[in-house]
Amino acid sequence: MLFSQRKGGDMNKKITPKAWIDQMFKAKIAQNGGPIRRKKSTIEKHASLDGVKEEAKKRGWHIVEVGEQWVVICNKGTVKIVL
């Protein structure tokens, strides 16, 4: 388990990988259909790439890998790379 990273949170409170993923996907921007971005190393440190992929797939969302970052497109719309 990992320690909570939330601002004002109790740093002694442990958080599971599943809870970390849930926290990421419950972000206001995600709930409004916007993108969320995380370094792959950060995801691996706190949870797992497979866990994030599984949760995104369950919601019908998309993941784009850009360098060392994952960008989760938090809506079910078609993804089109423009340029």
Protein backbone atom coordinates (compact mmCIF):
# COMPACT_ATOMS: atom_id res chain seq x y z
CA MET A 1 0.00 0.00 0.00
CA LEU A 2 1.04 3.56 -0.57
CA PHE A 3 0.59 6.71 1.44
CA SER A 4 -2.06 9.22 0.43
CA GLN A 5 -0.78 12.01 -1.81
CA ARG A 6 -3.81 14.30 -1.41
CA LYS A 7 -3.30 17.89 -0.34
CA GLY A 8 -4.29 18.31 3.27
CA GLY A 9 -4.58 14.53 3.53
CA ASP A 10 -3.18 12.44 6.34
CA MET A 11 0.23 11.28 5.09
CA ASN A 12 -0.02 8.30 7.44
CA LYS A 13 -3.17 7.07 5.72
CA LYS A 14 -2.33 4.22 3.36
CA ILE A 15 -3.91 4.00 -0.09
CA THR A 16 -4.19 0.88 -2.22
CA PRO A 17 -3.37 0.78 -5.94
CA LYS A 18 -7.11 0.41 -6.70
CA ALA A 19 -7.91 3.46 -4.56
CA TRP A 20 -5.17 5.46 -6.35
CA ILE A 21 -6.70 4.59 -9.74
CA ASP A 22 -10.20 5.41 -8.47
CA GLN A 23 -8.92 8.76 -7.17
CA MET A 24 -7.35 9.54 -10.56
CA PHE A 25 -10.52 8.65 -12.48
CA LYS A 26 -12.76 10.61 -10.09
CA ALA A 27 -10.86 13.86 -10.72
CA LYS A 28 -13.15 16.74 -11.68
CA ILE A 29 -11.60 17.03 -15.14
CA ALA A 30 -12.22 13.33 -15.80
CA GLN A 31 -15.84 13.58 -14.63
CA ASN A 32 -16.32 16.48 -17.06
CA GLY A 33 -14.99 14.44 -20.01
CA GLY A 34 -11.56 16.08 -20.17
CA PRO A 35 -8.15 14.47 -20.46
CA ILE A 36 -5.99 13.39 -17.55
CA ARG A 37 -2.24 12.96 -17.93
CA ARG A 38 0.18 10.91 -15.85
CA LYS A 39 3.78 9.77 -16.28
CA LYS A 40 3.94 6.02 -16.82
CA SER A 41 6.52 5.78 -14.01
CA THR A 42 4.08 7.50 -11.64
CA ILE A 43 1.32 5.05 -12.54
CA GLU A 44 3.70 2.13 -12.01
CA LYS A 45 4.83 3.58 -8.67
CA HIS A 46 1.31 3.92 -7.26
CA ALA A 47 -0.71 1.29 -9.14
CA SER A 48 -0.14 -0.48 -12.49
CA LEU A 49 -0.41 0.28 -16.19
CA ASP A 50 -2.69 -2.75 -16.58
CA GLY A 51 -4.95 -1.49 -13.79
CA VAL A 52 -5.36 1.90 -15.47
CA LYS A 53 -5.96 0.24 -18.87
CA GLU A 54 -8.59 -2.04 -17.35
CA GLU A 55 -10.44 0.85 -15.69
CA ALA A 56 -10.33 3.01 -18.85
CA LYS A 57 -11.61 0.10 -20.94
CA LYS A 58 -14.43 -0.54 -18.46
CA ARG A 59 -15.54 3.09 -18.89
CA GLY A 60 -15.12 3.07 -22.68
CA TRP A 61 -12.40 5.73 -22.50
CA HIS A 62 -9.18 5.93 -24.53
CA ILE A 63 -5.48 6.08 -23.62
CA VAL A 64 -2.87 7.75 -25.83
CA GLU A 65 0.82 7.28 -25.09
CA VAL A 66 2.96 10.37 -25.74
CA GLY A 67 6.61 9.85 -24.83
CA GLU A 68 6.66 8.81 -21.18
CA GLN A 69 3.13 10.12 -20.55
CA TRP A 70 -0.27 8.48 -20.74
CA VAL A 71 -3.15 10.75 -21.65
CA VAL A 72 -6.53 9.29 -20.74
CA ILE A 73 -9.32 10.72 -22.90
CA CYS A 74 -12.22 10.60 -20.47
CA ASN A 75 -15.11 10.24 -22.88
CA LYS A 76 -16.40 7.60 -25.26
CA GLY A 77 -16.14 9.76 -28.39
CA THR A 78 -14.03 8.86 -31.38
CA VAL A 79 -10.34 9.74 -31.08
CA LYS A 80 -8.77 11.28 -34.16
CA ILE A 81 -5.14 12.40 -34.32
CA VAL A 82 -5.27 15.64 -36.31
CA LEU A 83 -1.58 16.45 -36.77
